Amino acid sequence: MRSRIFYCAMTEALFLNDPLNDRSVGGLNRLSVLSSQLLDNWMYHHYGIKSSITCDRKLKWLLYEGYRSEFKQLRDSLAALPMTERDLYIASLPDSDERKSKLRRVNQLMPYLIRPGIAAYDYALYLAVAQSGVRLGYLAFNEARIFSREIAKLAQSQYESWDEYHLACIAGMHYLSGNDKPQKEDYITYMHARMLSRRLSPSKRISWRAKL
């Protein structure tokens, strides 16, 4: 029960952003009773998951590499430049360079993130994909349980609090949105405020340092 509440809290920001495009999905627990067709469409159209093989491949990628890897590479390339030169460097890139938009978002988010970067987003998505994989028969329940626990412990070792973790997850959502229009302060502040205002927020029910 404690682990389940913790996993729901870890994915809270992800579901605020409505990843399945269905407002009836309010959290991780809803995945177990959701339409299999909706889950199947979400897994395939967003992540190319249509079998146990592709599900396992995606989960391993999220665990060992994830979106955080690309973010780190871009962040490191900007960190090598003085702060005053980063905007100039990004502006100098041709619009055809696919890194330009990503670098702009990374530059916006860098001051707000600690060393693990947007790893929290990978961990939240891992839990959602694993839960969906179990429901669709792509993943054994015991396997999902073991690795979900490892993901949670990994997150606890890298972030110091729910606030720190949630902000990193929200930053990852902004980074992957592909949209430079909403300023990072507006987006992050809005999403974080939505979380804090939730009376039944799972992260209010369990300590970040809970033993799992």
Protein backbone atom coordinates (compact mmCIF):
# COMPACT_ATOMS: atom_id res chain seq x y z
CA MET A 1 0.00 0.00 0.00
CA ARG A 2 2.81 2.41 0.90
CA SER A 3 4.64 1.69 -2.35
CA ARG A 4 1.45 2.19 -4.36
CA ILE A 5 0.84 5.62 -2.84
CA PHE A 6 4.46 6.52 -3.51
CA TYR A 7 4.22 5.52 -7.19
CA CYS A 8 1.01 7.54 -7.57
CA ALA A 9 2.83 10.53 -6.11
CA MET A 10 5.77 10.03 -8.47
CA THR A 11 3.48 10.17 -11.51
CA GLU A 12 1.27 12.99 -10.22
CA ALA A 13 2.73 15.73 -12.42
CA LEU A 14 2.60 13.46 -15.47
CA PHE A 15 -1.13 12.93 -15.11
CA LEU A 16 -1.81 16.61 -14.48
CA ASN A 17 -0.61 17.04 -18.04
CA ASP A 18 -3.18 14.44 -19.19
CA PRO A 19 -0.74 12.14 -21.07
CA LEU A 20 -3.51 9.85 -22.33
CA ASN A 21 -5.64 12.76 -23.58
CA ASP A 22 -8.51 11.55 -21.42
CA ARG A 23 -9.62 13.70 -18.51
CA SER A 24 -11.12 10.69 -16.76
CA VAL A 25 -7.57 9.44 -16.14
CA GLY A 26 -6.68 11.26 -12.96
CA GLY A 27 -3.75 9.17 -11.82
CA LEU A 28 -1.78 5.96 -11.95
CA ASN A 29 -4.49 3.94 -10.21
CA ARG A 30 -6.93 4.63 -13.04
CA LEU A 31 -4.78 2.72 -15.52
CA SER A 32 -5.88 -0.60 -14.03
CA VAL A 33 -9.54 0.06 -14.89
CA LEU A 34 -9.08 2.08 -18.07
CA SER A 35 -10.19 0.88 -21.48
CA SER A 36 -7.58 -1.48 -22.94
CA GLN A 37 -8.12 0.15 -26.33
CA LEU A 38 -7.25 3.59 -24.99
CA LEU A 39 -4.11 2.25 -23.31
CA ASP A 40 -3.12 0.33 -26.43
CA ASN A 41 -3.52 3.43 -28.60
CA TRP A 42 -1.51 5.57 -26.17
CA MET A 43 1.32 3.03 -25.91
CA TYR A 44 1.56 2.54 -29.67
CA HIS A 45 1.04 6.05 -31.04
CA HIS A 46 3.30 7.79 -28.52
CA TYR A 47 5.97 5.18 -27.86
CA GLY A 48 5.72 2.52 -30.57
CA ILE A 49 4.82 -0.15 -28.00
CA LYS A 50 2.72 -2.96 -29.43
CA SER A 51 4.20 -6.10 -27.89
CA SER A 52 6.13 -7.43 -24.92
CA ILE A 53 9.36 -6.93 -26.88
CA THR A 54 8.77 -3.26 -27.64
CA CYS A 55 7.48 -2.65 -24.11
CA ASP A 56 10.61 -4.19 -22.58
CA ARG A 57 12.81 -2.16 -24.94
CA LYS A 58 11.12 1.11 -23.98
CA LEU A 59 11.29 0.39 -20.26
CA LYS A 60 14.99 -0.47 -20.43
CA TRP A 61 15.62 2.72 -22.40
CA LEU A 62 13.80 4.82 -19.81
CA LEU A 63 15.72 3.11 -17.01
CA TYR A 64 19.23 3.31 -18.46
CA GLU A 65 19.14 6.27 -20.87
CA GLY A 66 15.84 8.09 -21.22
CA TYR A 67 15.09 11.62 -22.34
CA ARG A 68 17.47 12.82 -19.63
CA SER A 69 20.45 11.67 -21.68
CA GLU A 70 19.78 14.05 -24.57
CA PHE A 71 18.91 16.82 -22.13
CA LYS A 72 22.23 16.31 -20.33
CA GLN A 73 24.21 16.41 -23.58
CA LEU A 74 22.58 19.70 -24.57
CA ARG A 75 22.97 21.10 -21.06
CA ASP A 76 26.66 20.19 -20.97
CA SER A 77 27.25 21.88 -24.33
CA LEU A 78 25.71 25.10 -22.99
CA ALA A 79 27.45 24.83 -19.62
CA ALA A 80 30.79 25.01 -21.45
CA LEU A 81 29.88 28.55 -22.54
CA PRO A 82 29.73 31.68 -20.37
CA MET A 83 26.12 32.53 -19.49
CA THR A 84 26.35 35.76 -21.50
CA GLU A 85 27.19 33.82 -24.67
CA ARG A 86 24.57 31.08 -24.52
CA ASP A 87 21.69 33.07 -26.01
CA LEU A 88 23.99 34.37 -28.75
CA TYR A 89 25.13 30.86 -29.60
CA ILE A 90 21.58 29.53 -29.80
CA ALA A 91 20.47 32.49 -31.92
CA SER A 92 23.37 31.87 -34.32
CA LEU A 93 22.15 28.37 -35.16
CA PRO A 94 20.12 28.02 -38.37
CA ASP A 95 16.40 27.41 -37.91
CA SER A 96 16.87 24.12 -39.75
CA ASP A 97 19.03 22.83 -36.88
CA GLU A 98 16.72 20.65 -34.77
CA ARG A 99 18.84 21.39 -31.71
CA LYS A 100 17.98 25.09 -31.74
CA SER A 101 14.54 24.81 -30.18
CA LYS A 102 15.70 22.16 -27.71
CA LEU A 103 18.72 24.23 -26.66
CA ARG A 104 16.46 27.20 -26.07
CA ARG A 105 14.32 25.19 -23.68
CA VAL A 106 17.34 23.64 -21.98
CA ASN A 107 18.80 27.10 -21.46
CA GLN A 108 15.53 28.25 -19.90
CA LEU A 109 15.42 25.30 -17.51
CA MET A 110 19.07 24.99 -16.46
CA PRO A 111 18.93 27.41 -13.50
CA TYR A 112 16.00 25.52 -11.98
CA LEU A 113 17.37 21.98 -12.07
CA ILE A 114 19.87 20.07 -9.99
CA ARG A 115 22.35 17.59 -11.45
CA PRO A 116 19.91 14.72 -12.29
CA GLY A 117 18.11 17.13 -14.63
CA ILE A 118 14.82 15.83 -15.99
CA ALA A 119 15.38 12.23 -14.84
CA ALA A 120 12.19 12.54 -12.77
CA TYR A 121 10.17 12.62 -16.00
CA ASP A 122 11.75 9.36 -17.18
CA TYR A 123 10.97 7.72 -13.85
CA ALA A 124 7.35 8.89 -13.87
CA LEU A 125 6.86 7.70 -17.43
CA TYR A 126 8.49 4.36 -16.59
CA LEU A 127 5.90 3.74 -13.89
CA ALA A 128 3.03 4.66 -16.23
CA VAL A 129 4.32 2.49 -19.09
CA ALA A 130 5.01 -0.43 -16.75
CA GLN A 131 1.50 -0.24 -15.29
CA SER A 132 0.02 -0.09 -18.79
CA GLY A 133 2.24 -2.96 -19.91
CA VAL A 134 0.93 -5.17 -17.11
CA ARG A 135 -2.66 -4.30 -18.00
CA LEU A 136 -2.09 -5.13 -21.68
CA GLY A 137 -0.24 -8.37 -20.94
CA TYR A 138 3.12 -7.09 -22.19
CA LEU A 139 4.82 -7.27 -18.80
CA ALA A 140 4.64 -9.65 -15.84
CA PHE A 141 3.27 -8.12 -12.65
CA ASN A 142 6.21 -9.28 -10.51
CA GLU A 143 8.74 -7.85 -12.95
CA ALA A 144 6.95 -4.50 -12.96
CA ARG A 145 6.80 -4.51 -9.16
CA ILE A 146 10.52 -5.18 -8.74
CA PHE A 147 11.70 -2.58 -11.23
CA SER A 148 9.17 0.03 -10.12
CA ARG A 149 10.62 -0.23 -6.63
CA GLU A 150 14.14 0.22 -8.01
CA ILE A 151 13.01 3.28 -9.98
CA ALA A 152 11.53 4.80 -6.84
CA LYS A 153 14.68 4.15 -4.81
CA LEU A 154 16.79 5.64 -7.60
CA ALA A 155 14.65 8.78 -7.58
CA GLN A 156 14.98 9.04 -3.80
CA SER A 157 18.76 8.87 -4.11
CA GLN A 158 18.88 11.69 -6.67
CA TYR A 159 16.30 14.18 -5.39
CA GLU A 160 15.91 15.59 -1.89
CA SER A 161 12.16 16.23 -1.71
CA TRP A 162 8.83 15.93 -3.50
CA ASP A 163 9.11 19.56 -4.58
CA GLU A 164 12.51 18.98 -6.16
CA TYR A 165 11.31 15.82 -7.88
CA HIS A 166 8.04 17.30 -9.14
CA LEU A 167 9.73 20.42 -10.50
CA ALA A 168 12.17 18.23 -12.44
CA CYS A 169 9.29 16.16 -13.83
CA ILE A 170 7.43 19.30 -14.90
CA ALA A 171 10.63 20.63 -16.47
CA GLY A 172 10.90 17.41 -18.46
CA MET A 173 7.34 17.81 -19.65
CA HIS A 174 8.13 21.35 -20.80
CA TYR A 175 11.34 20.23 -22.51
CA LEU A 176 9.52 17.53 -24.47
CA SER A 177 6.51 19.69 -25.31
CA GLY A 178 8.29 21.12 -28.35
CA ASN A 179 6.68 24.46 -27.52
CA ASP A 180 8.82 27.51 -26.81
CA LYS A 181 5.86 29.83 -26.41
CA PRO A 182 4.89 29.23 -22.76
CA GLN A 183 7.70 30.76 -20.72
CA LYS A 184 9.25 28.31 -18.32
CA GLU A 185 8.30 30.41 -15.29
CA ASP A 186 4.64 30.48 -16.31
CA TYR A 187 4.44 26.79 -17.17
CA ILE A 188 6.35 25.47 -14.17
CA THR A 189 4.63 27.82 -11.73
CA TYR A 190 1.19 26.97 -13.12
CA MET A 191 1.73 23.21 -13.04
CA HIS A 192 3.33 23.27 -9.61
CA ALA A 193 0.49 25.40 -8.23
CA ARG A 194 -2.03 22.91 -9.61
CA MET A 195 -0.29 20.13 -7.75
CA LEU A 196 -0.08 22.03 -4.48
CA SER A 197 -3.77 22.92 -4.66
CA ARG A 198 -4.89 19.29 -4.92
CA ARG A 199 -6.49 18.38 -1.62
CA LEU A 200 -6.05 14.65 -2.21
CA SER A 201 -2.55 14.87 -3.66
CA PRO A 202 -0.77 11.54 -3.02
CA SER A 203 2.51 13.35 -2.31
CA LYS A 204 0.81 14.91 0.72
CA ARG A 205 0.10 11.45 2.08
CA ILE A 206 3.59 10.00 2.08
CA SER A 207 7.08 11.20 2.94
CA TRP A 208 9.68 11.49 0.21
CA ARG A 209 11.98 9.43 2.43
CA ALA A 210 9.45 6.65 3.00
CA LYS A 211 10.94 3.16 3.10
CA LEU A 212 9.65 1.11 0.18
